[in-house]
């Protein structure tokens, strides 16, 4: 199936409507019917301000990035973008074409295309 990686990069302590943004994103995607999503905490990184943030034992939480990732169809991506615009959430994202499927699918899985690889 053709679709895209839809990744959002947020600070681990960033909030929207009192919720952590990464949790809120996963919840919204689930409500919209997106089949799955994951959140990953960074070990180190820097952004547009060029400040390096690294995980240290004694460092205060909240300065690192969380990547929230979905593999979506174009329709699913548009639904999620519409929700983000509606909520006026400011986020950095990456949207990359992807081919995806399930090996040995069951009846509940979306159809796969054989020409992905």
PDB file of N, CA and C in Angstrom:
ATOM      1  N   UNK A   1       0.848  -1.165   0.000  1.00  0.00           N
ATOM      2  CA  UNK A   1       0.000   0.000   0.000  1.00  0.00           C
ATOM      3  C   UNK A   1       0.898   1.233   0.000  1.00  0.00           C
ATOM      4  N   UNK A   2       0.508   2.229  -0.741  1.00  0.00           N
ATOM      5  CA  UNK A   2       1.277   3.469  -0.798  1.00  0.00           C
ATOM      6  C   UNK A   2       0.783   4.434   0.272  1.00  0.00           C
ATOM      7  N   UNK A   3       1.707   5.106   0.900  1.00  0.00           N
ATOM      8  CA  UNK A   3       1.365   6.068   1.938  1.00  0.00           C
ATOM      9  C   UNK A   3       2.573   6.892   2.289  1.00  0.00           C
ATOM     10  N   UNK A   4       2.652   7.280   3.542  1.00  0.00           N
ATOM     11  CA  UNK A   4       3.757   8.132   3.979  1.00  0.00           C
ATOM     12  C   UNK A   4       4.082   7.907   5.446  1.00  0.00           C
ATOM     13  N   UNK A   5       5.353   8.177   5.786  1.00  0.00           N
ATOM     14  CA  UNK A   5       5.756   8.333   7.173  1.00  0.00           C
ATOM     15  C   UNK A   5       5.378   9.762   7.533  1.00  0.00           C
ATOM     16  N   UNK A   6       4.655   9.913   8.605  1.00  0.00           N
ATOM     17  CA  UNK A   6       4.264  11.237   9.069  1.00  0.00           C
ATOM     18  C   UNK A   6       4.836  11.367  10.464  1.00  0.00           C
ATOM     19  N   UNK A   7       5.893  12.172  10.599  1.00  0.00           N
ATOM     20  CA  UNK A   7       6.612  12.297  11.864  1.00  0.00           C
ATOM     21  C   UNK A   7       6.483  13.717  12.403  1.00  0.00           C
ATOM     22  N   UNK A   8       6.270  13.785  13.698  1.00  0.00           N
ATOM     23  CA  UNK A   8       6.202  15.062  14.394  1.00  0.00           C
ATOM     24  C   UNK A   8       7.300  15.078  15.440  1.00  0.00           C
ATOM     25  N   UNK A   9       7.921  16.225  15.618  1.00  0.00           N
ATOM     26  CA  UNK A   9       9.006  16.379  16.593  1.00  0.00           C
ATOM     27  C   UNK A   9       8.560  17.407  17.621  1.00  0.00           C
ATOM     28  N   UNK A  10       8.434  16.982  18.877  1.00  0.00           N
ATOM     29  CA  UNK A  10       7.938  17.856  19.939  1.00  0.00           C
ATOM     30  C   UNK A  10       8.859  17.759  21.146  1.00  0.00           C
ATOM     31  N   UNK A  11       8.861  18.788  21.984  1.00  0.00           N
ATOM     32  CA  UNK A  11       9.588  18.700  23.251  1.00  0.00           C
ATOM     33  C   UNK A  11       8.806  17.789  24.180  1.00  0.00           C
ATOM     34  N   UNK A  12       9.515  17.001  24.955  1.00  0.00           N
ATOM     35  CA  UNK A  12       8.840  16.021  25.799  1.00  0.00           C
ATOM     36  C   UNK A  12       7.902  16.654  26.820  1.00  0.00           C
ATOM     37  N   UNK A  13       8.103  17.912  27.168  1.00  0.00           N
ATOM     38  CA  UNK A  13       7.223  18.568  28.138  1.00  0.00           C
ATOM     39  C   UNK A  13       6.233  19.541  27.492  1.00  0.00           C
ATOM     40  N   UNK A  14       6.210  19.600  26.159  1.00  0.00           N
ATOM     41  CA  UNK A  14       5.299  20.503  25.443  1.00  0.00           C
ATOM     42  C   UNK A  14       3.854  20.050  25.651  1.00  0.00           C
ATOM     43  N   UNK A  15       2.970  21.007  25.911  1.00  0.00           N
ATOM     44  CA  UNK A  15       1.575  20.674  26.229  1.00  0.00           C
ATOM     45  C   UNK A  15       0.590  21.359  25.296  1.00  0.00           C
ATOM     46  N   UNK A  16      -0.559  20.707  25.138  1.00  0.00           N
ATOM     47  CA  UNK A  16      -1.701  21.268  24.416  1.00  0.00           C
ATOM     48  C   UNK A  16      -2.954  20.878  25.184  1.00  0.00           C
ATOM     49  N   UNK A  17      -3.736  21.870  25.561  1.00  0.00           N
ATOM     50  CA  UNK A  17      -4.960  21.638  26.347  1.00  0.00           C
ATOM     51  C   UNK A  17      -4.685  20.832  27.619  1.00  0.00           C
ATOM     52  N   UNK A  18      -3.530  21.117  28.247  1.00  0.00           N
ATOM     53  CA  UNK A  18      -3.175  20.467  29.499  1.00  0.00           C
ATOM     54  C   UNK A  18      -2.585  19.076  29.367  1.00  0.00           C
ATOM     55  N   UNK A  19      -2.477  18.563  28.151  1.00  0.00           N
ATOM     56  CA  UNK A  19      -1.928  17.223  27.916  1.00  0.00           C
ATOM     57  C   UNK A  19      -0.560  17.343  27.262  1.00  0.00           C
ATOM     58  N   UNK A  20       0.295  16.352  27.483  1.00  0.00           N
ATOM     59  CA  UNK A  20       1.560  16.311  26.751  1.00  0.00           C
ATOM     60  C   UNK A  20       1.230  16.159  25.267  1.00  0.00           C
ATOM     61  N   UNK A  21       1.895  16.935  24.424  1.00  0.00           N
ATOM     62  CA  UNK A  21       1.564  16.944  22.998  1.00  0.00           C
ATOM     63  C   UNK A  21       1.730  15.562  22.376  1.00  0.00           C
ATOM     64  N   UNK A  22       2.789  14.846  22.756  1.00  0.00           N
ATOM     65  CA  UNK A  22       2.980  13.528  22.141  1.00  0.00           C
ATOM     66  C   UNK A  22       1.837  12.591  22.513  1.00  0.00           C
ATOM     67  N   UNK A  23       1.323  12.667  23.724  1.00  0.00           N
ATOM     68  CA  UNK A  23       0.171  11.851  24.118  1.00  0.00           C
ATOM     69  C   UNK A  23      -1.086  12.304  23.380  1.00  0.00           C
ATOM     70  N   UNK A  24      -1.256  13.610  23.290  1.00  0.00           N
ATOM     71  CA  UNK A  24      -2.415  14.176  22.609  1.00  0.00           C
ATOM     72  C   UNK A  24      -2.440  13.763  21.138  1.00  0.00           C
ATOM     73  N   UNK A  25      -1.266  13.813  20.473  1.00  0.00           N
ATOM     74  CA  UNK A  25      -1.179  13.403  19.068  1.00  0.00           C
ATOM     75  C   UNK A  25      -1.589  11.943  18.879  1.00  0.00           C
ATOM     76  N   UNK A  26      -1.066  11.067  19.729  1.00  0.00           N
ATOM     77  CA  UNK A  26      -1.427   9.652  19.627  1.00  0.00           C
ATOM     78  C   UNK A  26      -2.925   9.462  19.837  1.00  0.00           C
ATOM     79  N   UNK A  27      -3.473  10.162  20.810  1.00  0.00           N
ATOM     80  CA  UNK A  27      -4.907  10.058  21.096  1.00  0.00           C
ATOM     81  C   UNK A  27      -5.744  10.542  19.918  1.00  0.00           C
ATOM     82  N   UNK A  28      -5.369  11.678  19.345  1.00  0.00           N
ATOM     83  CA  UNK A  28      -6.126  12.220  18.211  1.00  0.00           C
ATOM     84  C   UNK A  28      -6.058  11.299  16.997  1.00  0.00           C
ATOM     85  N   UNK A  29      -4.880  10.770  16.708  1.00  0.00           N
ATOM     86  CA  UNK A  29      -4.727   9.856  15.576  1.00  0.00           C
ATOM     87  C   UNK A  29      -5.580   8.607  15.781  1.00  0.00           C
ATOM     88  N   UNK A  30      -5.605   8.100  16.988  1.00  0.00           N
ATOM     89  CA  UNK A  30      -6.417   6.933  17.302  1.00  0.00           C
ATOM     90  C   UNK A  30      -7.897   7.237  17.070  1.00  0.00           C
ATOM     91  N   UNK A  31      -8.364   8.395  17.532  1.00  0.00           N
ATOM     92  CA  UNK A  31      -9.755   8.802  17.336  1.00  0.00           C
ATOM     93  C   UNK A  31     -10.112   8.948  15.863  1.00  0.00           C
ATOM     94  N   UNK A  32      -9.118   9.352  15.049  1.00  0.00           N
ATOM     95  CA  UNK A  32      -9.348   9.537  13.618  1.00  0.00           C
ATOM     96  C   UNK A  32      -9.306   8.225  12.835  1.00  0.00           C
ATOM     97  N   UNK A  33      -8.980   7.125  13.518  1.00  0.00           N
ATOM     98  CA  UNK A  33      -8.964   5.824  12.860  1.00  0.00           C
ATOM     99  C   UNK A  33      -7.635   5.436  12.241  1.00  0.00           C
ATOM    100  N   UNK A  34      -6.587   6.182  12.525  1.00  0.00           N
ATOM    101  CA  UNK A  34      -5.260   5.807  12.026  1.00  0.00           C
ATOM    102  C   UNK A  34      -4.864   4.504  12.714  1.00  0.00           C
ATOM    103  N   UNK A  35      -4.328   3.565  11.951  1.00  0.00           N
ATOM    104  CA  UNK A  35      -4.111   2.196  12.430  1.00  0.00           C
ATOM    105  C   UNK A  35      -3.068   2.054  13.515  1.00  0.00           C
ATOM    106  N   UNK A  36      -2.145   2.981  13.644  1.00  0.00           N
ATOM    107  CA  UNK A  36      -1.128   2.855  14.677  1.00  0.00           C
ATOM    108  C   UNK A  36      -0.205   4.048  14.707  1.00  0.00           C
ATOM    109  N   UNK A  37       0.454   4.225  15.825  1.00  0.00           N
ATOM    110  CA  UNK A  37       1.411   5.308  15.990  1.00  0.00           C
ATOM    111  C   UNK A  37       2.329   4.987  17.146  1.00  0.00           C
ATOM    112  N   UNK A  38       3.474   5.624  17.155  1.00  0.00           N
ATOM    113  CA  UNK A  38       4.465   5.394  18.206  1.00  0.00           C
ATOM    114  C   UNK A  38       5.137   6.705  18.577  1.00  0.00           C
ATOM    115  N   UNK A  39       5.616   6.765  19.814  1.00  0.00           N
ATOM    116  CA  UNK A  39       6.380   7.916  20.284  1.00  0.00           C
ATOM    117  C   UNK A  39       7.735   7.414  20.760  1.00  0.00           C
ATOM    118  N   UNK A  40       8.804   8.102  20.352  1.00  0.00           N
ATOM    119  CA  UNK A  40      10.174   7.729  20.695  1.00  0.00           C
ATOM    120  C   UNK A  40      10.879   8.922  21.311  1.00  0.00           C
ATOM    121  N   UNK A  41      11.509   8.717  22.453  1.00  0.00           N
ATOM    122  CA  UNK A  41      12.262   9.781  23.121  1.00  0.00           C
ATOM    123  C   UNK A  41      13.695   9.798  22.581  1.00  0.00           C
ATOM    124  N   UNK A  42      14.175  10.976  22.275  1.00  0.00           N
ATOM    125  CA  UNK A  42      15.523  11.132  21.737  1.00  0.00           C
ATOM    126  C   UNK A  42      16.571  10.964  22.830  1.00  0.00           C
ATOM    127  N   UNK A  43      17.762  10.516  22.423  1.00  0.00           N
ATOM    128  CA  UNK A  43      18.912  10.458  23.330  1.00  0.00           C
ATOM    129  C   UNK A  43      19.642  11.795  23.345  1.00  0.00           C
ATOM    130  N   UNK A  44      19.659  12.440  22.170  1.00  0.00           N
ATOM    131  CA  UNK A  44      20.320  13.734  22.020  1.00  0.00           C
ATOM    132  C   UNK A  44      19.822  14.370  20.741  1.00  0.00           C
ATOM    133  N   UNK A  45      19.984  15.680  20.639  1.00  0.00           N
ATOM    134  CA  UNK A  45      19.584  16.352  19.418  1.00  0.00           C
ATOM    135  C   UNK A  45      19.680  17.857  19.550  1.00  0.00           C
ATOM    136  N   UNK A  46      19.451  18.530  18.417  1.00  0.00           N
ATOM    137  CA  UNK A  46      19.380  19.988  18.410  1.00  0.00           C
ATOM    138  C   UNK A  46      18.354  20.387  17.363  1.00  0.00           C
ATOM    139  N   UNK A  47      17.847  21.590  17.507  1.00  0.00           N
ATOM    140  CA  UNK A  47      16.839  22.103  16.592  1.00  0.00           C
ATOM    141  C   UNK A  47      17.267  23.410  15.990  1.00  0.00           C
ATOM    142  N   UNK A  48      16.281  24.205  15.622  1.00  0.00           N
ATOM    143  CA  UNK A  48      16.548  25.457  14.901  1.00  0.00           C
ATOM    144  C   UNK A  48      17.365  26.459  15.704  1.00  0.00           C
ATOM    145  N   UNK A  49      17.393  26.322  17.017  1.00  0.00           N
ATOM    146  CA  UNK A  49      18.185  27.240  17.849  1.00  0.00           C
ATOM    147  C   UNK A  49      19.618  26.745  18.036  1.00  0.00           C
ATOM    148  N   UNK A  50      19.928  25.572  17.506  1.00  0.00           N
ATOM    149  CA  UNK A  50      21.277  24.994  17.524  1.00  0.00           C
ATOM    150  C   UNK A  50      21.823  24.775  18.928  1.00  0.00           C
ATOM    151  N   UNK A  51      20.933  24.482  19.862  1.00  0.00           N
ATOM    152  CA  UNK A  51      21.331  24.138  21.217  1.00  0.00           C
ATOM    153  C   UNK A  51      21.292  22.629  21.349  1.00  0.00           C
ATOM    154  N   UNK A  52      22.413  22.022  21.702  1.00  0.00           N
ATOM    155  CA  UNK A  52      22.477  20.577  21.834  1.00  0.00           C
ATOM    156  C   UNK A  52      21.874  20.149  23.168  1.00  0.00           C
ATOM    157  N   UNK A  53      20.957  19.220  23.109  1.00  0.00           N
ATOM    158  CA  UNK A  53      20.334  18.655  24.309  1.00  0.00           C
ATOM    159  C   UNK A  53      20.694  17.187  24.359  1.00  0.00           C
ATOM    160  N   UNK A  54      21.169  16.727  25.512  1.00  0.00           N
ATOM    161  CA  UNK A  54      21.546  15.330  25.687  1.00  0.00           C
ATOM    162  C   UNK A  54      20.927  14.798  26.966  1.00  0.00           C
ATOM    163  N   UNK A  55      20.651  13.511  26.963  1.00  0.00           N
ATOM    164  CA  UNK A  55      20.116  12.877  28.161  1.00  0.00           C
ATOM    165  C   UNK A  55      21.252  12.603  29.133  1.00  0.00           C
ATOM    166  N   UNK A  56      21.134  13.148  30.327  1.00  0.00           N
ATOM    167  CA  UNK A  56      22.077  12.892  31.408  1.00  0.00           C
ATOM    168  C   UNK A  56      21.269  12.500  32.634  1.00  0.00           C
ATOM    169  N   UNK A  57      21.861  11.744  33.499  1.00  0.00           N
ATOM    170  CA  UNK A  57      21.156  11.247  34.675  1.00  0.00           C
ATOM    171  C   UNK A  57      20.589  12.372  35.533  1.00  0.00           C
ATOM    172  N   UNK A  58      21.359  13.443  35.722  1.00  0.00           N
ATOM    173  CA  UNK A  58      20.936  14.510  36.612  1.00  0.00           C
ATOM    174  C   UNK A  58      20.227  15.660  35.899  1.00  0.00           C
ATOM    175  N   UNK A  59      20.087  15.565  34.583  1.00  0.00           N
ATOM    176  CA  UNK A  59      19.441  16.640  33.826  1.00  0.00           C
ATOM    177  C   UNK A  59      17.942  16.666  34.108  1.00  0.00           C
ATOM    178  N   UNK A  60      17.397  17.860  34.154  1.00  0.00           N
ATOM    179  CA  UNK A  60      15.964  17.979  34.346  1.00  0.00           C
ATOM    180  C   UNK A  60      15.231  17.462  33.116  1.00  0.00           C
ATOM    181  N   UNK A  61      14.119  16.787  33.335  1.00  0.00           N
ATOM    182  CA  UNK A  61      13.321  16.241  32.237  1.00  0.00           C
ATOM    183  C   UNK A  61      12.667  17.369  31.451  1.00  0.00           C
ATOM    184  N   UNK A  62      12.330  17.085  30.209  1.00  0.00           N
ATOM    185  CA  UNK A  62      11.557  18.026  29.419  1.00  0.00           C
ATOM    186  C   UNK A  62      12.294  18.723  28.316  1.00  0.00           C
ATOM    187  N   UNK A  63      13.624  18.593  28.228  1.00  0.00           N
ATOM    188  CA  UNK A  63      14.368  19.336  27.218  1.00  0.00           C
ATOM    189  C   UNK A  63      14.630  18.527  25.954  1.00  0.00           C
ATOM    190  N   UNK A  64      14.406  17.233  26.000  1.00  0.00           N
ATOM    191  CA  UNK A  64      14.671  16.403  24.828  1.00  0.00           C
ATOM    192  C   UNK A  64      13.451  16.329  23.913  1.00  0.00           C
ATOM    193  N   UNK A  65      13.681  15.827  22.724  1.00  0.00           N
ATOM    194  CA  UNK A  65      12.637  15.721  21.718  1.00  0.00           C
ATOM    195  C   UNK A  65      11.981  14.351  21.768  1.00  0.00           C
ATOM    196  N   UNK A  66      10.696  14.335  21.485  1.00  0.00           N
ATOM    197  CA  UNK A  66       9.956  13.095  21.291  1.00  0.00           C
ATOM    198  C   UNK A  66       9.512  13.093  19.828  1.00  0.00           C
ATOM    199  N   UNK A  67       9.808  11.999  19.138  1.00  0.00           N
ATOM    200  CA  UNK A  67       9.341  11.822  17.772  1.00  0.00           C
ATOM    201  C   UNK A  67       8.064  10.998  17.828  1.00  0.00           C
ATOM    202  N   UNK A  68       7.004  11.526  17.253  1.00  0.00           N
ATOM    203  CA  UNK A  68       5.730  10.810  17.168  1.00  0.00           C
ATOM    204  C   UNK A  68       5.536  10.447  15.710  1.00  0.00           C
ATOM    205  N   UNK A  69       5.386   9.157  15.441  1.00  0.00           N
ATOM    206  CA  UNK A  69       5.421   8.671  14.069  1.00  0.00           C
ATOM    207  C   UNK A  69       4.182   7.861  13.734  1.00  0.00           C
ATOM    208  N   UNK A  70       3.685   8.091  12.526  1.00  0.00           N
ATOM    209  CA  UNK A  70       2.566   7.332  11.988  1.00  0.00           C
ATOM    210  C   UNK A  70       2.924   6.917  10.563  1.00  0.00           C
ATOM    211  N   UNK A  71       2.401   5.798  10.119  1.00  0.00           N
ATOM    212  CA  UNK A  71       2.481   5.415   8.714  1.00  0.00           C
ATOM    213  C   UNK A  71       1.042   5.487   8.222  1.00  0.00           C
ATOM    214  N   UNK A  72       0.791   6.404   7.296  1.00  0.00           N
ATOM    215  CA  UNK A  72      -0.576   6.754   6.946  1.00  0.00           C
ATOM    216  C   UNK A  72      -0.807   6.795   5.437  1.00  0.00           C
ATOM    217  N   UNK A  73      -2.078   6.703   5.063  1.00  0.00           N
ATOM    218  CA  UNK A  73      -2.475   6.985   3.691  1.00  0.00           C
ATOM    219  C   UNK A  73      -2.578   8.497   3.549  1.00  0.00           C
ATOM    220  N   UNK A  74      -2.707   8.967   2.333  1.00  0.00           N
ATOM    221  CA  UNK A  74      -2.830  10.413   2.111  1.00  0.00           C
ATOM    222  C   UNK A  74      -4.098  10.942   2.782  1.00  0.00           C
ATOM    223  N   UNK A  75      -5.178  10.180   2.742  1.00  0.00           N
ATOM    224  CA  UNK A  75      -6.431  10.597   3.379  1.00  0.00           C
ATOM    225  C   UNK A  75      -6.278  10.708   4.898  1.00  0.00           C
ATOM    226  N   UNK A  76      -5.599   9.735   5.500  1.00  0.00           N
ATOM    227  CA  UNK A  76      -5.383   9.771   6.948  1.00  0.00           C
ATOM    228  C   UNK A  76      -4.513  10.955   7.347  1.00  0.00           C
ATOM    229  N   UNK A  77      -3.469  11.215   6.565  1.00  0.00           N
ATOM    230  CA  UNK A  77      -2.590  12.357   6.837  1.00  0.00           C
ATOM    231  C   UNK A  77      -3.377  13.657   6.776  1.00  0.00           C
ATOM    232  N   UNK A  78      -4.249  13.781   5.795  1.00  0.00           N
ATOM    233  CA  UNK A  78      -5.035  15.008   5.658  1.00  0.00           C
ATOM    234  C   UNK A  78      -5.983  15.193   6.833  1.00  0.00           C
ATOM    235  N   UNK A  79      -6.589  14.110   7.312  1.00  0.00           N
ATOM    236  CA  UNK A  79      -7.462  14.201   8.491  1.00  0.00           C
ATOM    237  C   UNK A  79      -6.683  14.703   9.706  1.00  0.00           C
ATOM    238  N   UNK A  80      -5.476  14.173   9.892  1.00  0.00           N
ATOM    239  CA  UNK A  80      -4.660  14.580  11.030  1.00  0.00           C
ATOM    240  C   UNK A  80      -4.211  16.038  10.888  1.00  0.00           C
ATOM    241  N   UNK A  81      -3.798  16.429   9.692  1.00  0.00           N
ATOM    242  CA  UNK A  81      -3.426  17.830   9.449  1.00  0.00           C
ATOM    243  C   UNK A  81      -4.606  18.762   9.704  1.00  0.00           C
ATOM    244  N   UNK A  82      -5.789  18.368   9.250  1.00  0.00           N
ATOM    245  CA  UNK A  82      -6.979  19.189   9.479  1.00  0.00           C
ATOM    246  C   UNK A  82      -7.229  19.380  10.970  1.00  0.00           C
ATOM    247  N   UNK A  83      -7.070  18.307  11.757  1.00  0.00           N
ATOM    248  CA  UNK A  83      -7.277  18.399  13.202  1.00  0.00           C
ATOM    249  C   UNK A  83      -6.254  19.352  13.828  1.00  0.00           C
ATOM    250  N   UNK A  84      -4.985  19.253  13.395  1.00  0.00           N
ATOM    251  CA  UNK A  84      -3.939  20.119  13.938  1.00  0.00           C
ATOM    252  C   UNK A  84      -4.190  21.588  13.598  1.00  0.00           C
ATOM    253  N   UNK A  85      -4.643  21.849  12.367  1.00  0.00           N
ATOM    254  CA  UNK A  85      -4.979  23.228  11.984  1.00  0.00           C
ATOM    255  C   UNK A  85      -6.155  23.736  12.816  1.00  0.00           C
ATOM    256  N   UNK A  86      -7.155  22.887  12.985  1.00  0.00           N
ATOM    257  CA  UNK A  86      -8.341  23.253  13.767  1.00  0.00           C
ATOM    258  C   UNK A  86      -7.963  23.598  15.208  1.00  0.00           C
ATOM    259  N   UNK A  87      -7.037  22.833  15.784  1.00  0.00           N
ATOM    260  CA  UNK A  87      -6.605  23.031  17.164  1.00  0.00           C
ATOM    261  C   UNK A  87      -5.516  24.094  17.304  1.00  0.00           C
ATOM    262  N   UNK A  88      -5.017  24.585  16.162  1.00  0.00           N
ATOM    263  CA  UNK A  88      -3.965  25.609  16.139  1.00  0.00           C
ATOM    264  C   UNK A  88      -2.704  25.161  16.889  1.00  0.00           C
ATOM    265  N   UNK A  89      -2.328  23.889  16.681  1.00  0.00           N
ATOM    266  CA  UNK A  89      -1.120  23.337  17.300  1.00  0.00           C
ATOM    267  C   UNK A  89       0.054  23.633  16.373  1.00  0.00           C
ATOM    268  N   UNK A  90       1.116  24.223  16.910  1.00  0.00           N
ATOM    269  CA  UNK A  90       2.314  24.545  16.127  1.00  0.00           C
ATOM    270  C   UNK A  90       3.327  23.435  16.324  1.00  0.00           C
ATOM    271  N   UNK A  91       3.621  22.689  15.247  1.00  0.00           N
ATOM    272  CA  UNK A  91       4.528  21.546  15.316  1.00  0.00           C
ATOM    273  C   UNK A  91       5.423  21.490  14.090  1.00  0.00           C
ATOM    274  N   UNK A  92       6.630  20.990  14.285  1.00  0.00           N
ATOM    275  CA  UNK A  92       7.515  20.674  13.166  1.00  0.00           C
ATOM    276  C   UNK A  92       7.232  19.235  12.764  1.00  0.00           C
ATOM    277  N   UNK A  93       7.167  18.978  11.449  1.00  0.00           N
ATOM    278  CA  UNK A  93       6.873  17.620  10.985  1.00  0.00           C
ATOM    279  C   UNK A  93       7.684  17.282   9.739  1.00  0.00           C
ATOM    280  N   UNK A  94       7.719  15.987   9.445  1.00  0.00           N
ATOM    281  CA  UNK A  94       8.301  15.477   8.202  1.00  0.00           C
ATOM    282  C   UNK A  94       7.300  14.502   7.600  1.00  0.00           C
ATOM    283  N   UNK A  95       7.143  14.583   6.297  1.00  0.00           N
ATOM    284  CA  UNK A  95       6.173  13.758   5.572  1.00  0.00           C
ATOM    285  C   UNK A  95       6.915  13.121   4.410  1.00  0.00           C
ATOM    286  N   UNK A  96       7.159  11.814   4.483  1.00  0.00           N
ATOM    287  CA  UNK A  96       7.999  11.115   3.530  1.00  0.00           C
ATOM    288  C   UNK A  96       7.235   9.962   2.890  1.00  0.00           C
ATOM    289  N   UNK A  97       7.257   9.846   1.565  1.00  0.00           N
ATOM    290  CA  UNK A  97       6.568   8.723   0.918  1.00  0.00           C
ATOM    291  C   UNK A  97       7.076   7.373   1.437  1.00  0.00           C
ATOM    292  N   UNK A  98       6.148   6.417   1.543  1.00  0.00           N
ATOM    293  CA  UNK A  98       6.497   5.079   2.034  1.00  0.00           C
ATOM    294  C   UNK A  98       5.576   4.052   1.387  1.00  0.00           C
ATOM    295  N   UNK A  99       6.094   2.883   1.269  1.00  0.00           N
ATOM    296  CA  UNK A  99       5.308   1.746   0.836  1.00  0.00           C
ATOM    297  C   UNK A  99       5.213   0.819   2.039  1.00  0.00           C
ATOM    298  N   UNK A 100       4.015   0.384   2.383  1.00  0.00           N
ATOM    299  CA  UNK A 100       3.877  -0.435   3.583  1.00  0.00           C
ATOM    300  C   UNK A 100       2.873  -1.557   3.371  1.00  0.00           C
ATOM    301  N   UNK A 101       2.972  -2.558   4.199  1.00  0.00           N
ATOM    302  CA  UNK A 101       2.064  -3.695   4.129  1.00  0.00           C
ATOM    303  C   UNK A 101       2.321  -4.636   5.275  1.00  0.00           C
ATOM    304  N   UNK A 102       1.629  -5.746   5.267  1.00  0.00           N
ATOM    305  CA  UNK A 102       1.747  -6.759   6.300  1.00  0.00           C
ATOM    306  C   UNK A 102       2.121  -8.073   5.634  1.00  0.00           C
ATOM    307  N   UNK A 103       3.149  -8.733   6.150  1.00  0.00           N
ATOM    308  CA  UNK A 103       3.529 -10.057   5.660  1.00  0.00           C
ATOM    309  C   UNK A 103       2.579 -11.062   6.287  1.00  0.00           C
ATOM    310  N   UNK A 104       2.036 -11.955   5.492  1.00  0.00           N
ATOM    311  CA  UNK A 104       1.053 -12.944   5.939  1.00  0.00           C
ATOM    312  C   UNK A 104      -0.143 -12.269   6.610  1.00  0.00           C
ATOM    313  N   UNK A 105      -0.836 -11.367   5.883  1.00  0.00           N
ATOM    314  CA  UNK A 105      -1.931 -10.606   6.478  1.00  0.00           C
ATOM    315  C   UNK A 105      -3.142 -11.476   6.817  1.00  0.00           C
ATOM    316  N   UNK A 106      -3.959 -10.958   7.744  1.00  0.00           N
ATOM    317  CA  UNK A 106      -5.251 -11.593   7.985  1.00  0.00           C
ATOM    318  C   UNK A 106      -6.327 -10.685   7.388  1.00  0.00           C
ATOM    319  N   UNK A 107      -7.569 -11.038   7.555  1.00  0.00           N
ATOM    320  CA  UNK A 107      -8.667 -10.322   6.900  1.00  0.00           C
ATOM    321  C   UNK A 107      -8.783  -8.866   7.347  1.00  0.00           C
ATOM    322  N   UNK A 108      -8.321  -8.523   8.533  1.00  0.00           N
ATOM    323  CA  UNK A 108      -8.444  -7.152   9.048  1.00  0.00           C
ATOM    324  C   UNK A 108      -7.358  -6.218   8.529  1.00  0.00           C
ATOM    325  N   UNK A 109      -6.308  -6.767   7.902  1.00  0.00           N
ATOM    326  CA  UNK A 109      -5.195  -5.939   7.421  1.00  0.00           C
ATOM    327  C   UNK A 109      -5.535  -5.291   6.089  1.00  0.00           C
ATOM    328  N   UNK A 110      -4.966  -4.091   5.829  1.00  0.00           N
ATOM    329  CA  UNK A 110      -5.178  -3.451   4.530  1.00  0.00           C
ATOM    330  C   UNK A 110      -4.467  -4.237   3.441  1.00  0.00           C
ATOM    331  N   UNK A 111      -4.932  -4.114   2.209  1.00  0.00           N
ATOM    332  CA  UNK A 111      -4.259  -4.844   1.121  1.00  0.00           C
ATOM    333  C   UNK A 111      -2.822  -4.343   0.934  1.00  0.00           C
ATOM    334  N   UNK A 112      -1.924  -5.253   0.617  1.00  0.00           N
ATOM    335  CA  UNK A 112      -0.528  -4.910   0.340  1.00  0.00           C
ATOM    336  C   UNK A 112      -0.299  -4.975  -1.156  1.00  0.00           C
ATOM    337  N   UNK A 113       0.671  -4.222  -1.621  1.00  0.00           N
ATOM    338  CA  UNK A 113       1.043  -4.306  -3.023  1.00  0.00           C
ATOM    339  C   UNK A 113       2.367  -5.036  -3.125  1.00  0.00           C
ATOM    340  N   UNK A 114       2.504  -5.862  -4.111  1.00  0.00           N
ATOM    341  CA  UNK A 114       3.692  -6.677  -4.257  1.00  0.00           C
ATOM    342  C   UNK A 114       4.895  -5.940  -4.786  1.00  0.00           C
ATOM    343  N   UNK A 115       4.721  -4.723  -5.297  1.00  0.00           N
ATOM    344  CA  UNK A 115       5.841  -4.009  -5.911  1.00  0.00           C
ATOM    345  C   UNK A 115       6.519  -3.024  -4.956  1.00  0.00           C
ATOM    346  N   UNK A 116       6.396  -3.224  -3.659  1.00  0.00           N
ATOM    347  CA  UNK A 116       7.044  -2.323  -2.697  1.00  0.00           C
ATOM    348  C   UNK A 116       8.557  -2.503  -2.683  1.00  0.00           C
ATOM    349  N   UNK A 117       9.018  -3.703  -2.834  1.00  0.00           N
ATOM    350  CA  UNK A 117      10.450  -3.970  -2.733  1.00  0.00           C
ATOM    351  C   UNK A 117      11.025  -4.374  -4.050  1.00  0.00           C
TER     352      UNK A 117
END
